[in-house]
Amino acid sequence: MKKSVQEKKVTVAEIDAARSFVLLKNAGPVLPLGRKGTLALIGPLANNRENMAGTWSVSGLFDQSVSLMDGLKNVAGNAVRVVYARGANIVSDPGLEERISIFGKPTYRDNRSNTVLIEEAVMCRPS
């Protein structure tokens, strides 16, 4: 039986979703996170409070949102050093990234190369 275009899209989306999962194995004293040491936070929206509800969200109190980075710093306190790197843009195509935020919330695209963004993220390790 031939698949419809919609069924093909769902199949591709399911494959992409399965490939993008990261499982965290809690081996040893990893979780819960301690209240001392260094925590690396990597991701294009980790320090973006405007998009905590998602680039697609229509309503919410966006001016009261807290970025993931600020939230972690607030909870962790001064004994935890939180280091941040963007790591990547939301998508590699700047034109598509502009259209992703359909309600005008900024995504703060970083125009550095993917290589530079990844290298910066790799360097976010405890010193």
PDB file of N, CA and C in Angstrom:
ATOM      1  N   MET A   1       0.844  -1.178   0.000  1.00  0.00           N
ATOM      2  CA  MET A   1       0.000   0.000   0.000  1.00  0.00           C
ATOM      3  C   MET A   1       0.895   1.249   0.000  1.00  0.00           C
ATOM      4  N   LYS A   2       0.566   2.186  -0.846  1.00  0.00           N
ATOM      5  CA  LYS A   2       1.338   3.413  -0.975  1.00  0.00           C
ATOM      6  C   LYS A   2       0.989   4.378   0.153  1.00  0.00           C
ATOM      7  N   LYS A   3       2.038   4.992   0.743  1.00  0.00           N
ATOM      8  CA  LYS A   3       1.823   5.949   1.831  1.00  0.00           C
ATOM      9  C   LYS A   3       1.467   7.319   1.271  1.00  0.00           C
ATOM     10  N   SER A   4       0.591   8.021   1.992  1.00  0.00           N
ATOM     11  CA  SER A   4       0.261   9.394   1.617  1.00  0.00           C
ATOM     12  C   SER A   4       1.416  10.308   2.000  1.00  0.00           C
ATOM     13  N   VAL A   5       1.377  11.520   1.475  1.00  0.00           N
ATOM     14  CA  VAL A   5       2.407  12.496   1.802  1.00  0.00           C
ATOM     15  C   VAL A   5       2.415  12.747   3.312  1.00  0.00           C
ATOM     16  N   GLN A   6       1.241  12.848   3.913  1.00  0.00           N
ATOM     17  CA  GLN A   6       1.147  13.085   5.352  1.00  0.00           C
ATOM     18  C   GLN A   6       1.765  11.923   6.126  1.00  0.00           C
ATOM     19  N   GLU A   7       1.484  10.686   5.719  1.00  0.00           N
ATOM     20  CA  GLU A   7       2.055   9.529   6.409  1.00  0.00           C
ATOM     21  C   GLU A   7       3.582   9.502   6.280  1.00  0.00           C
ATOM     22  N   LYS A   8       4.092   9.914   5.120  1.00  0.00           N
ATOM     23  CA  LYS A   8       5.541   9.977   4.929  1.00  0.00           C
ATOM     24  C   LYS A   8       6.157  11.023   5.840  1.00  0.00           C
ATOM     25  N   LYS A   9       5.485  12.183   5.982  1.00  0.00           N
ATOM     26  CA  LYS A   9       5.989  13.233   6.861  1.00  0.00           C
ATOM     27  C   LYS A   9       6.025  12.766   8.308  1.00  0.00           C
ATOM     28  N   VAL A  10       4.978  12.052   8.722  1.00  0.00           N
ATOM     29  CA  VAL A  10       4.928  11.543  10.095  1.00  0.00           C
ATOM     30  C   VAL A  10       6.058  10.541  10.309  1.00  0.00           C
ATOM     31  N   THR A  11       6.290   9.668   9.355  1.00  0.00           N
ATOM     32  CA  THR A  11       7.366   8.685   9.464  1.00  0.00           C
ATOM     33  C   THR A  11       8.716   9.381   9.604  1.00  0.00           C
ATOM     34  N   VAL A  12       8.981  10.382   8.780  1.00  0.00           N
ATOM     35  CA  VAL A  12      10.240  11.124   8.854  1.00  0.00           C
ATOM     36  C   VAL A  12      10.345  11.828  10.203  1.00  0.00           C
ATOM     37  N   ALA A  13       9.268  12.430  10.670  1.00  0.00           N
ATOM     38  CA  ALA A  13       9.276  13.117  11.963  1.00  0.00           C
ATOM     39  C   ALA A  13       9.552  12.138  13.105  1.00  0.00           C
ATOM     40  N   GLU A  14       8.964  10.945  13.038  1.00  0.00           N
ATOM     41  CA  GLU A  14       9.198   9.939  14.081  1.00  0.00           C
ATOM     42  C   GLU A  14      10.655   9.484  14.087  1.00  0.00           C
ATOM     43  N   ILE A  15      11.225   9.298  12.905  1.00  0.00           N
ATOM     44  CA  ILE A  15      12.637   8.901  12.807  1.00  0.00           C
ATOM     45  C   ILE A  15      13.524   9.998  13.375  1.00  0.00           C
ATOM     46  N   ASP A  16      13.267  11.247  12.994  1.00  0.00           N
ATOM     47  CA  ASP A  16      14.059  12.368  13.509  1.00  0.00           C
ATOM     48  C   ASP A  16      13.934  12.476  15.028  1.00  0.00           C
ATOM     49  N   ALA A  17      12.723  12.317  15.535  1.00  0.00           N
ATOM     50  CA  ALA A  17      12.521  12.401  16.985  1.00  0.00           C
ATOM     51  C   ALA A  17      13.289  11.296  17.705  1.00  0.00           C
ATOM     52  N   ALA A  18      13.237  10.086  17.178  1.00  0.00           N
ATOM     53  CA  ALA A  18      13.952   8.972  17.799  1.00  0.00           C
ATOM     54  C   ALA A  18      15.457   9.206  17.787  1.00  0.00           C
ATOM     55  N   ARG A  19      15.978   9.776  16.727  1.00  0.00           N
ATOM     56  CA  ARG A  19      17.414  10.037  16.626  1.00  0.00           C
ATOM     57  C   ARG A  19      17.872  11.179  17.528  1.00  0.00           C
ATOM     58  N   SER A  20      16.953  12.054  17.912  1.00  0.00           N
ATOM     59  CA  SER A  20      17.343  13.240  18.675  1.00  0.00           C
ATOM     60  C   SER A  20      17.254  13.032  20.186  1.00  0.00           C
ATOM     61  N   PHE A  21      16.720  11.929  20.640  1.00  0.00           N
ATOM     62  CA  PHE A  21      16.615  11.683  22.072  1.00  0.00           C
ATOM     63  C   PHE A  21      17.984  11.446  22.684  1.00  0.00           C
ATOM     64  N   VAL A  22      18.174  12.004  23.848  1.00  0.00           N
ATOM     65  CA  VAL A  22      19.390  11.776  24.621  1.00  0.00           C
ATOM     66  C   VAL A  22      18.949  11.219  25.963  1.00  0.00           C
ATOM     67  N   LEU A  23      19.402  10.035  26.260  1.00  0.00           N
ATOM     68  CA  LEU A  23      19.057   9.428  27.534  1.00  0.00           C
ATOM     69  C   LEU A  23      20.181   9.676  28.520  1.00  0.00           C
ATOM     70  N   LEU A  24      19.818  10.055  29.707  1.00  0.00           N
ATOM     71  CA  LEU A  24      20.799  10.325  30.743  1.00  0.00           C
ATOM     72  C   LEU A  24      20.824   9.139  31.680  1.00  0.00           C
ATOM     73  N   LYS A  25      21.961   8.507  31.770  1.00  0.00           N
ATOM     74  CA  LYS A  25      22.124   7.396  32.693  1.00  0.00           C
ATOM     75  C   LYS A  25      22.637   7.959  34.010  1.00  0.00           C
ATOM     76  N   ASN A  26      21.898   7.747  35.044  1.00  0.00           N
ATOM     77  CA  ASN A  26      22.269   8.271  36.349  1.00  0.00           C
ATOM     78  C   ASN A  26      23.205   7.275  37.042  1.00  0.00           C
ATOM     79  N   ALA A  27      24.429   7.185  36.522  1.00  0.00           N
ATOM     80  CA  ALA A  27      25.425   6.278  37.091  1.00  0.00           C
ATOM     81  C   ALA A  27      26.274   7.040  38.101  1.00  0.00           C
ATOM     82  N   GLY A  28      26.261   6.597  39.323  1.00  0.00           N
ATOM     83  CA  GLY A  28      27.045   7.286  40.347  1.00  0.00           C
ATOM     84  C   GLY A  28      26.309   8.508  40.851  1.00  0.00           C
ATOM     85  N   PRO A  29      27.021   9.399  41.492  1.00  0.00           N
ATOM     86  CA  PRO A  29      26.377  10.573  42.095  1.00  0.00           C
ATOM     87  C   PRO A  29      26.184  11.718  41.095  1.00  0.00           C
ATOM     88  N   VAL A  30      25.366  11.477  40.056  1.00  0.00           N
ATOM     89  CA  VAL A  30      25.139  12.505  39.039  1.00  0.00           C
ATOM     90  C   VAL A  30      23.882  13.309  39.365  1.00  0.00           C
ATOM     91  N   LEU A  31      22.767  12.617  39.544  1.00  0.00           N
ATOM     92  CA  LEU A  31      21.510  13.292  39.861  1.00  0.00           C
ATOM     93  C   LEU A  31      21.085  12.944  41.269  1.00  0.00           C
ATOM     94  N   PRO A  32      20.509  13.820  42.004  1.00  0.00           N
ATOM     95  CA  PRO A  32      20.269  15.207  41.618  1.00  0.00           C
ATOM     96  C   PRO A  32      21.572  15.993  41.560  1.00  0.00           C
ATOM     97  N   LEU A  33      21.536  17.069  40.804  1.00  0.00           N
ATOM     98  CA  LEU A  33      22.723  17.904  40.678  1.00  0.00           C
ATOM     99  C   LEU A  33      23.090  18.495  42.029  1.00  0.00           C
ATOM    100  N   GLY A  34      24.367  18.556  42.272  1.00  0.00           N
ATOM    101  CA  GLY A  34      24.845  19.112  43.534  1.00  0.00           C
ATOM    102  C   GLY A  34      24.759  20.629  43.536  1.00  0.00           C
ATOM    103  N   ARG A  35      24.985  21.202  44.675  1.00  0.00           N
ATOM    104  CA  ARG A  35      24.931  22.666  44.824  1.00  0.00           C
ATOM    105  C   ARG A  35      26.318  23.274  44.848  1.00  0.00           C
ATOM    106  N   LYS A  36      27.260  22.597  44.181  1.00  0.00           N
ATOM    107  CA  LYS A  36      28.605  23.141  44.041  1.00  0.00           C
ATOM    108  C   LYS A  36      29.215  22.563  42.775  1.00  0.00           C
ATOM    109  N   GLY A  37      30.204  23.238  42.234  1.00  0.00           N
ATOM    110  CA  GLY A  37      30.868  22.760  41.022  1.00  0.00           C
ATOM    111  C   GLY A  37      30.506  23.604  39.818  1.00  0.00           C
ATOM    112  N   THR A  38      30.620  22.996  38.648  1.00  0.00           N
ATOM    113  CA  THR A  38      30.365  23.691  37.388  1.00  0.00           C
ATOM    114  C   THR A  38      29.295  22.954  36.600  1.00  0.00           C
ATOM    115  N   LEU A  39      28.376  23.702  36.026  1.00  0.00           N
ATOM    116  CA  LEU A  39      27.314  23.153  35.201  1.00  0.00           C
ATOM    117  C   LEU A  39      27.382  23.817  33.840  1.00  0.00           C
ATOM    118  N   ALA A  40      27.518  23.012  32.776  1.00  0.00           N
ATOM    119  CA  ALA A  40      27.547  23.550  31.413  1.00  0.00           C
ATOM    120  C   ALA A  40      26.132  23.501  30.842  1.00  0.00           C
ATOM    121  N   LEU A  41      25.678  24.623  30.358  1.00  0.00           N
ATOM    122  CA  LEU A  41      24.352  24.744  29.755  1.00  0.00           C
ATOM    123  C   LEU A  41      24.555  25.135  28.301  1.00  0.00           C
ATOM    124  N   ILE A  42      24.114  24.273  27.382  1.00  0.00           N
ATOM    125  CA  ILE A  42      24.379  24.484  25.962  1.00  0.00           C
ATOM    126  C   ILE A  42      23.071  24.374  25.182  1.00  0.00           C
ATOM    127  N   GLY A  43      22.799  25.374  24.366  1.00  0.00           N
ATOM    128  CA  GLY A  43      21.616  25.340  23.519  1.00  0.00           C
ATOM    129  C   GLY A  43      21.190  26.729  23.096  1.00  0.00           C
ATOM    130  N   PRO A  44      20.605  26.854  21.905  1.00  0.00           N
ATOM    131  CA  PRO A  44      20.287  28.171  21.352  1.00  0.00           C
ATOM    132  C   PRO A  44      19.201  28.937  22.097  1.00  0.00           C
ATOM    133  N   LEU A  45      18.377  28.272  22.860  1.00  0.00           N
ATOM    134  CA  LEU A  45      17.319  28.984  23.588  1.00  0.00           C
ATOM    135  C   LEU A  45      17.528  28.953  25.098  1.00  0.00           C
ATOM    136  N   ALA A  46      18.655  28.429  25.562  1.00  0.00           N
ATOM    137  CA  ALA A  46      18.896  28.291  26.996  1.00  0.00           C
ATOM    138  C   ALA A  46      19.023  29.634  27.704  1.00  0.00           C
ATOM    139  N   ASN A  47      19.419  30.667  26.978  1.00  0.00           N
ATOM    140  CA  ASN A  47      19.551  32.000  27.583  1.00  0.00           C
ATOM    141  C   ASN A  47      18.618  32.979  26.872  1.00  0.00           C
ATOM    142  N   ASN A  48      17.417  32.534  26.553  1.00  0.00           N
ATOM    143  CA  ASN A  48      16.454  33.333  25.805  1.00  0.00           C
ATOM    144  C   ASN A  48      15.113  33.281  26.520  1.00  0.00           C
ATOM    145  N   ARG A  49      14.836  34.274  27.341  1.00  0.00           N
ATOM    146  CA  ARG A  49      13.606  34.246  28.130  1.00  0.00           C
ATOM    147  C   ARG A  49      12.348  34.443  27.289  1.00  0.00           C
ATOM    148  N   GLU A  50      12.467  35.153  26.172  1.00  0.00           N
ATOM    149  CA  GLU A  50      11.289  35.417  25.346  1.00  0.00           C
ATOM    150  C   GLU A  50      10.700  34.134  24.764  1.00  0.00           C
ATOM    151  N   ASN A  51      11.513  33.097  24.613  1.00  0.00           N
ATOM    152  CA  ASN A  51      11.039  31.878  23.974  1.00  0.00           C
ATOM    153  C   ASN A  51      10.886  30.702  24.931  1.00  0.00           C
ATOM    154  N   MET A  52      10.821  30.937  26.208  1.00  0.00           N
ATOM    155  CA  MET A  52      10.642  29.841  27.155  1.00  0.00           C
ATOM    156  C   MET A  52       9.315  29.124  26.934  1.00  0.00           C
ATOM    157  N   ALA A  53       8.327  29.836  26.459  1.00  0.00           N
ATOM    158  CA  ALA A  53       7.035  29.197  26.157  1.00  0.00           C
ATOM    159  C   ALA A  53       7.019  28.617  24.748  1.00  0.00           C
ATOM    160  N   GLY A  54       8.071  28.848  23.980  1.00  0.00           N
ATOM    161  CA  GLY A  54       8.155  28.346  22.608  1.00  0.00           C
ATOM    162  C   GLY A  54       8.030  29.478  21.618  1.00  0.00           C
ATOM    163  N   THR A  55       8.730  29.359  20.497  1.00  0.00           N
ATOM    164  CA  THR A  55       8.688  30.413  19.482  1.00  0.00           C
ATOM    165  C   THR A  55       7.302  30.536  18.857  1.00  0.00           C
ATOM    166  N   TRP A  56       6.469  29.533  19.023  1.00  0.00           N
ATOM    167  CA  TRP A  56       5.154  29.477  18.407  1.00  0.00           C
ATOM    168  C   TRP A  56       4.043  29.994  19.318  1.00  0.00           C
ATOM    169  N   SER A  57       4.339  30.283  20.599  1.00  0.00           N
ATOM    170  CA  SER A  57       3.287  30.613  21.553  1.00  0.00           C
ATOM    171  C   SER A  57       2.701  31.998  21.282  1.00  0.00           C
ATOM    172  N   VAL A  58       1.396  32.086  21.460  1.00  0.00           N
ATOM    173  CA  VAL A  58       0.666  33.310  21.173  1.00  0.00           C
ATOM    174  C   VAL A  58       0.510  34.168  22.416  1.00  0.00           C
ATOM    175  N   SER A  59       0.246  33.531  23.546  1.00  0.00           N
ATOM    176  CA  SER A  59      -0.021  34.314  24.749  1.00  0.00           C
ATOM    177  C   SER A  59       0.843  33.826  25.904  1.00  0.00           C
ATOM    178  N   GLY A  60       0.926  34.662  26.871  1.00  0.00           N
ATOM    179  CA  GLY A  60       1.725  34.364  28.050  1.00  0.00           C
ATOM    180  C   GLY A  60       2.290  35.659  28.593  1.00  0.00           C
ATOM    181  N   LEU A  61       2.850  35.590  29.761  1.00  0.00           N
ATOM    182  CA  LEU A  61       3.459  36.766  30.370  1.00  0.00           C
ATOM    183  C   LEU A  61       4.951  36.715  30.087  1.00  0.00           C
ATOM    184  N   PHE A  62       5.309  36.983  28.835  1.00  0.00           N
ATOM    185  CA  PHE A  62       6.680  36.808  28.381  1.00  0.00           C
ATOM    186  C   PHE A  62       7.664  37.707  29.123  1.00  0.00           C
ATOM    187  N   ASP A  63       7.199  38.871  29.561  1.00  0.00           N
ATOM    188  CA  ASP A  63       8.093  39.767  30.292  1.00  0.00           C
ATOM    189  C   ASP A  63       8.391  39.237  31.693  1.00  0.00           C
ATOM    190  N   GLN A  64       7.635  38.229  32.136  1.00  0.00           N
ATOM    191  CA  GLN A  64       7.881  37.627  33.445  1.00  0.00           C
ATOM    192  C   GLN A  64       8.592  36.276  33.335  1.00  0.00           C
ATOM    193  N   SER A  65       8.887  35.854  32.127  1.00  0.00           N
ATOM    194  CA  SER A  65       9.573  34.575  31.928  1.00  0.00           C
ATOM    195  C   SER A  65      11.001  34.661  32.450  1.00  0.00           C
ATOM    196  N   VAL A  66      11.525  33.520  32.831  1.00  0.00           N
ATOM    197  CA  VAL A  66      12.909  33.405  33.285  1.00  0.00           C
ATOM    198  C   VAL A  66      13.598  32.426  32.351  1.00  0.00           C
ATOM    199  N   SER A  67      14.764  32.795  31.859  1.00  0.00           N
ATOM    200  CA  SER A  67      15.488  31.873  30.978  1.00  0.00           C
ATOM    201  C   SER A  67      15.935  30.655  31.778  1.00  0.00           C
ATOM    202  N   LEU A  68      16.202  29.580  31.084  1.00  0.00           N
ATOM    203  CA  LEU A  68      16.693  28.374  31.727  1.00  0.00           C
ATOM    204  C   LEU A  68      17.990  28.674  32.476  1.00  0.00           C
ATOM    205  N   MET A  69      18.867  29.459  31.859  1.00  0.00           N
ATOM    206  CA  MET A  69      20.131  29.785  32.505  1.00  0.00           C
ATOM    207  C   MET A  69      19.916  30.578  33.800  1.00  0.00           C
ATOM    208  N   ASP A  70      19.081  31.599  33.743  1.00  0.00           N
ATOM    209  CA  ASP A  70      18.823  32.394  34.948  1.00  0.00           C
ATOM    210  C   ASP A  70      18.137  31.563  36.024  1.00  0.00           C
ATOM    211  N   GLY A  71      17.230  30.693  35.620  1.00  0.00           N
ATOM    212  CA  GLY A  71      16.559  29.819  36.581  1.00  0.00           C
ATOM    213  C   GLY A  71      17.539  28.888  37.279  1.00  0.00           C
ATOM    214  N   LEU A  72      18.449  28.294  36.510  1.00  0.00           N
ATOM    215  CA  LEU A  72      19.452  27.423  37.120  1.00  0.00           C
ATOM    216  C   LEU A  72      20.360  28.193  38.066  1.00  0.00           C
ATOM    217  N   LYS A  73      20.770  29.379  37.651  1.00  0.00           N
ATOM    218  CA  LYS A  73      21.623  30.199  38.521  1.00  0.00           C
ATOM    219  C   LYS A  73      20.890  30.564  39.812  1.00  0.00           C
ATOM    220  N   ASN A  74      19.606  30.898  39.697  1.00  0.00           N
ATOM    221  CA  ASN A  74      18.829  31.262  40.878  1.00  0.00           C
ATOM    222  C   ASN A  74      18.701  30.092  41.848  1.00  0.00           C
ATOM    223  N   VAL A  75      18.471  28.905  41.326  1.00  0.00           N
ATOM    224  CA  VAL A  75      18.298  27.731  42.172  1.00  0.00           C
ATOM    225  C   VAL A  75      19.638  27.253  42.729  1.00  0.00           C
ATOM    226  N   ALA A  76      20.672  27.282  41.909  1.00  0.00           N
ATOM    227  CA  ALA A  76      21.964  26.732  42.300  1.00  0.00           C
ATOM    228  C   ALA A  76      22.706  27.602  43.296  1.00  0.00           C
ATOM    229  N   GLY A  77      22.542  28.890  43.200  1.00  0.00           N
ATOM    230  CA  GLY A  77      23.240  29.783  44.109  1.00  0.00           C
ATOM    231  C   GLY A  77      24.678  30.049  43.670  1.00  0.00           C
ATOM    232  N   ASN A  78      25.417  30.705  44.524  1.00  0.00           N
ATOM    233  CA  ASN A  78      26.777  31.139  44.184  1.00  0.00           C
ATOM    234  C   ASN A  78      27.814  30.029  44.160  1.00  0.00           C
ATOM    235  N   ALA A  79      27.513  28.886  44.751  1.00  0.00           N
ATOM    236  CA  ALA A  79      28.500  27.806  44.811  1.00  0.00           C
ATOM    237  C   ALA A  79      28.595  27.030  43.493  1.00  0.00           C
ATOM    238  N   VAL A  80      27.641  27.272  42.584  1.00  0.00           N
ATOM    239  CA  VAL A  80      27.657  26.588  41.286  1.00  0.00           C
ATOM    240  C   VAL A  80      28.019  27.592  40.204  1.00  0.00           C
ATOM    241  N   ARG A  81      29.008  27.238  39.422  1.00  0.00           N
ATOM    242  CA  ARG A  81      29.400  28.068  38.274  1.00  0.00           C
ATOM    243  C   ARG A  81      28.646  27.543  37.054  1.00  0.00           C
ATOM    244  N   VAL A  82      27.774  28.358  36.490  1.00  0.00           N
ATOM    245  CA  VAL A  82      27.025  27.970  35.294  1.00  0.00           C
ATOM    246  C   VAL A  82      27.709  28.599  34.094  1.00  0.00           C
ATOM    247  N   VAL A  83      28.195  27.747  33.178  1.00  0.00           N
ATOM    248  CA  VAL A  83      28.820  28.239  31.955  1.00  0.00           C
ATOM    249  C   VAL A  83      27.870  27.959  30.802  1.00  0.00           C
ATOM    250  N   TYR A  84      27.825  28.876  29.857  1.00  0.00           N
ATOM    251  CA  TYR A  84      26.853  28.794  28.768  1.00  0.00           C
ATOM    252  C   TYR A  84      27.539  28.927  27.413  1.00  0.00           C
ATOM    253  N   ALA A  85      27.058  28.139  26.474  1.00  0.00           N
ATOM    254  CA  ALA A  85      27.449  28.283  25.075  1.00  0.00           C
ATOM    255  C   ALA A  85      26.217  28.028  24.221  1.00  0.00           C
ATOM    256  N   ARG A  86      26.107  28.760  23.151  1.00  0.00           N
ATOM    257  CA  ARG A  86      24.964  28.599  22.258  1.00  0.00           C
ATOM    258  C   ARG A  86      24.975  27.225  21.597  1.00  0.00           C
ATOM    259  N   GLY A  87      26.119  26.790  21.108  1.00  0.00           N
ATOM    260  CA  GLY A  87      26.253  25.456  20.539  1.00  0.00           C
ATOM    261  C   GLY A  87      25.766  25.311  19.108  1.00  0.00           C
ATOM    262  N   ALA A  88      24.711  26.040  18.757  1.00  0.00           N
ATOM    263  CA  ALA A  88      24.124  25.964  17.416  1.00  0.00           C
ATOM    264  C   ALA A  88      23.048  27.030  17.316  1.00  0.00           C
ATOM    265  N   ASN A  89      22.589  27.268  16.115  1.00  0.00           N
ATOM    266  CA  ASN A  89      21.389  28.073  15.929  1.00  0.00           C
ATOM    267  C   ASN A  89      20.204  27.119  15.904  1.00  0.00           C
ATOM    268  N   ILE A  90      19.006  27.648  15.955  1.00  0.00           N
ATOM    269  CA  ILE A  90      17.820  26.787  15.944  1.00  0.00           C
ATOM    270  C   ILE A  90      17.799  25.945  14.674  1.00  0.00           C
ATOM    271  N   VAL A  91      18.081  26.570  13.548  1.00  0.00           N
ATOM    272  CA  VAL A  91      18.246  25.882  12.264  1.00  0.00           C
ATOM    273  C   VAL A  91      19.398  26.545  11.529  1.00  0.00           C
ATOM    274  N   SER A  92      19.962  25.859  10.558  1.00  0.00           N
ATOM    275  CA  SER A  92      21.121  26.426   9.858  1.00  0.00           C
ATOM    276  C   SER A  92      20.740  27.489   8.835  1.00  0.00           C
ATOM    277  N   ASP A  93      19.512  27.484   8.356  1.00  0.00           N
ATOM    278  CA  ASP A  93      19.061  28.435   7.338  1.00  0.00           C
ATOM    279  C   ASP A  93      18.539  29.709   8.000  1.00  0.00           C
ATOM    280  N   PRO A  94      19.240  30.853   7.817  1.00  0.00           N
ATOM    281  CA  PRO A  94      18.810  32.104   8.466  1.00  0.00           C
ATOM    282  C   PRO A  94      17.394  32.525   8.072  1.00  0.00           C
ATOM    283  N   GLY A  95      17.022  32.312   6.821  1.00  0.00           N
ATOM    284  CA  GLY A  95      15.677  32.685   6.376  1.00  0.00           C
ATOM    285  C   GLY A  95      14.594  31.880   7.076  1.00  0.00           C
ATOM    286  N   LEU A  96      14.839  30.595   7.227  1.00  0.00           N
ATOM    287  CA  LEU A  96      13.883  29.746   7.933  1.00  0.00           C
ATOM    288  C   LEU A  96      13.814  30.131   9.406  1.00  0.00           C
ATOM    289  N   GLU A  97      14.946  30.455   9.991  1.00  0.00           N
ATOM    290  CA  GLU A  97      14.946  30.844  11.401  1.00  0.00           C
ATOM    291  C   GLU A  97      14.110  32.101  11.619  1.00  0.00           C
ATOM    292  N   GLU A  98      14.145  33.034  10.686  1.00  0.00           N
ATOM    293  CA  GLU A  98      13.305  34.237  10.797  1.00  0.00           C
ATOM    294  C   GLU A  98      11.831  33.872  10.806  1.00  0.00           C
ATOM    295  N   ARG A  99      11.451  32.899   9.993  1.00  0.00           N
ATOM    296  CA  ARG A  99      10.039  32.509   9.881  1.00  0.00           C
ATOM    297  C   ARG A  99       9.582  31.606  11.024  1.00  0.00           C
ATOM    298  N   ILE A 100      10.517  31.002  11.753  1.00  0.00           N
ATOM    299  CA  ILE A 100      10.140  30.121  12.863  1.00  0.00           C
ATOM    300  C   ILE A 100       9.421  30.900  13.941  1.00  0.00           C
ATOM    301  N   SER A 101       9.902  32.075  14.237  1.00  0.00           N
ATOM    302  CA  SER A 101       9.312  32.895  15.286  1.00  0.00           C
ATOM    303  C   SER A 101       8.192  33.726  14.673  1.00  0.00           C
ATOM    304  N   ILE A 102       7.071  33.075  14.443  1.00  0.00           N
ATOM    305  CA  ILE A 102       5.985  33.707  13.691  1.00  0.00           C
ATOM    306  C   ILE A 102       5.318  34.861  14.426  1.00  0.00           C
ATOM    307  N   PHE A 103       5.517  34.971  15.730  1.00  0.00           N
ATOM    308  CA  PHE A 103       4.908  36.059  16.479  1.00  0.00           C
ATOM    309  C   PHE A 103       5.916  37.132  16.849  1.00  0.00           C
ATOM    310  N   GLY A 104       7.056  37.137  16.160  1.00  0.00           N
ATOM    311  CA  GLY A 104       8.008  38.220  16.304  1.00  0.00           C
ATOM    312  C   GLY A 104       8.963  38.132  17.475  1.00  0.00           C
ATOM    313  N   LYS A 105       8.941  37.028  18.213  1.00  0.00           N
ATOM    314  CA  LYS A 105       9.884  36.900  19.327  1.00  0.00           C
ATOM    315  C   LYS A 105      11.269  36.615  18.759  1.00  0.00           C
ATOM    316  N   PRO A 106      12.287  37.287  19.259  1.00  0.00           N
ATOM    317  CA  PRO A 106      13.629  37.130  18.686  1.00  0.00           C
ATOM    318  C   PRO A 106      14.249  35.773  19.014  1.00  0.00           C
ATOM    319  N   THR A 107      14.995  35.240  18.067  1.00  0.00           N
ATOM    320  CA  THR A 107      15.745  34.007  18.311  1.00  0.00           C
ATOM    321  C   THR A 107      17.221  34.300  18.499  1.00  0.00           C
ATOM    322  N   TYR A 108      17.622  35.540  18.273  1.00  0.00           N
ATOM    323  CA  TYR A 108      19.004  35.982  18.467  1.00  0.00           C
ATOM    324  C   TYR A 108      19.998  35.093  17.720  1.00  0.00           C
ATOM    325  N   ARG A 109      19.847  35.034  16.427  1.00  0.00           N
ATOM    326  CA  ARG A 109      20.726  34.221  15.586  1.00  0.00           C
ATOM    327  C   ARG A 109      22.185  34.626  15.779  1.00  0.00           C
ATOM    328  N   ASP A 110      23.037  33.642  15.845  1.00  0.00           N
ATOM    329  CA  ASP A 110      24.477  33.856  15.970  1.00  0.00           C
ATOM    330  C   ASP A 110      25.086  33.592  14.598  1.00  0.00           C
ATOM    331  N   ASN A 111      25.736  34.571  14.007  1.00  0.00           N
ATOM    332  CA  ASN A 111      26.245  34.445  12.641  1.00  0.00           C
ATOM    333  C   ASN A 111      27.619  33.789  12.541  1.00  0.00           C
ATOM    334  N   ARG A 112      28.149  33.322  13.672  1.00  0.00           N
ATOM    335  CA  ARG A 112      29.401  32.581  13.603  1.00  0.00           C
ATOM    336  C   ARG A 112      29.156  31.222  12.946  1.00  0.00           C
ATOM    337  N   SER A 113      30.204  30.609  12.440  1.00  0.00           N
ATOM    338  CA  SER A 113      30.063  29.315  11.764  1.00  0.00           C
ATOM    339  C   SER A 113      29.660  28.223  12.749  1.00  0.00           C
ATOM    340  N   ASN A 114      29.068  27.151  12.219  1.00  0.00           N
ATOM    341  CA  ASN A 114      28.699  26.010  13.064  1.00  0.00           C
ATOM    342  C   ASN A 114      29.920  25.455  13.784  1.00  0.00           C
ATOM    343  N   THR A 115      31.042  25.429  13.098  1.00  0.00           N
ATOM    344  CA  THR A 115      32.277  24.910  13.699  1.00  0.00           C
ATOM    345  C   THR A 115      32.661  25.715  14.932  1.00  0.00           C
ATOM    346  N   VAL A 116      32.603  27.031  14.824  1.00  0.00           N
ATOM    347  CA  VAL A 116      32.958  27.896  15.954  1.00  0.00           C
ATOM    348  C   VAL A 116      31.973  27.698  17.104  1.00  0.00           C
ATOM    349  N   LEU A 117      30.678  27.603  16.802  1.00  0.00           N
ATOM    350  CA  LEU A 117      29.669  27.409  17.844  1.00  0.00           C
ATOM    351  C   LEU A 117      29.878  26.086  18.576  1.00  0.00           C
ATOM    352  N   ILE A 118      30.178  25.043  17.825  1.00  0.00           N
ATOM    353  CA  ILE A 118      30.399  23.729  18.431  1.00  0.00           C
ATOM    354  C   ILE A 118      31.681  23.726  19.256  1.00  0.00           C
ATOM    355  N   GLU A 119      32.737  24.320  18.726  1.00  0.00           N
ATOM    356  CA  GLU A 119      33.998  24.381  19.474  1.00  0.00           C
ATOM    357  C   GLU A 119      33.805  25.115  20.799  1.00  0.00           C
ATOM    358  N   GLU A 120      33.049  26.203  20.768  1.00  0.00           N
ATOM    359  CA  GLU A 120      32.776  26.949  21.997  1.00  0.00           C
ATOM    360  C   GLU A 120      32.034  26.070  23.009  1.00  0.00           C
ATOM    361  N   ALA A 121      31.066  25.300  22.522  1.00  0.00           N
ATOM    362  CA  ALA A 121      30.293  24.423  23.408  1.00  0.00           C
ATOM    363  C   ALA A 121      31.180  23.335  24.011  1.00  0.00           C
ATOM    364  N   VAL A 122      32.057  22.778  23.215  1.00  0.00           N
ATOM    365  CA  VAL A 122      32.961  21.723  23.706  1.00  0.00           C
ATOM    366  C   VAL A 122      33.888  22.274  24.789  1.00  0.00           C
ATOM    367  N   MET A 123      34.235  23.531  24.689  1.00  0.00           N
ATOM    368  CA  MET A 123      35.129  24.148  25.670  1.00  0.00           C
ATOM    369  C   MET A 123      34.418  24.477  26.985  1.00  0.00           C
ATOM    370  N   CYS A 124      33.093  24.332  27.039  1.00  0.00           N
ATOM    371  CA  CYS A 124      32.326  24.597  28.263  1.00  0.00           C
ATOM    372  C   CYS A 124      32.436  23.405  29.196  1.00  0.00           C
ATOM    373  N   ARG A 125      33.591  23.230  29.745  1.00  0.00           N
ATOM    374  CA  ARG A 125      33.775  22.128  30.692  1.00  0.00           C
ATOM    375  C   ARG A 125      34.449  22.690  31.940  1.00  0.00           C
ATOM    376  N   PRO A 126      34.343  21.954  33.015  1.00  0.00           N
ATOM    377  CA  PRO A 126      34.950  22.451  34.255  1.00  0.00           C
ATOM    378  C   PRO A 126      36.432  22.721  34.069  1.00  0.00           C
ATOM    379  N   SER A 127      36.882  23.812  34.654  1.00  0.00           N
ATOM    380  CA  SER A 127      38.295  24.155  34.535  1.00  0.00           C
ATOM    381  C   SER A 127      39.084  23.617  35.711  1.00  0.00           C
TER     382      SER A 127
END
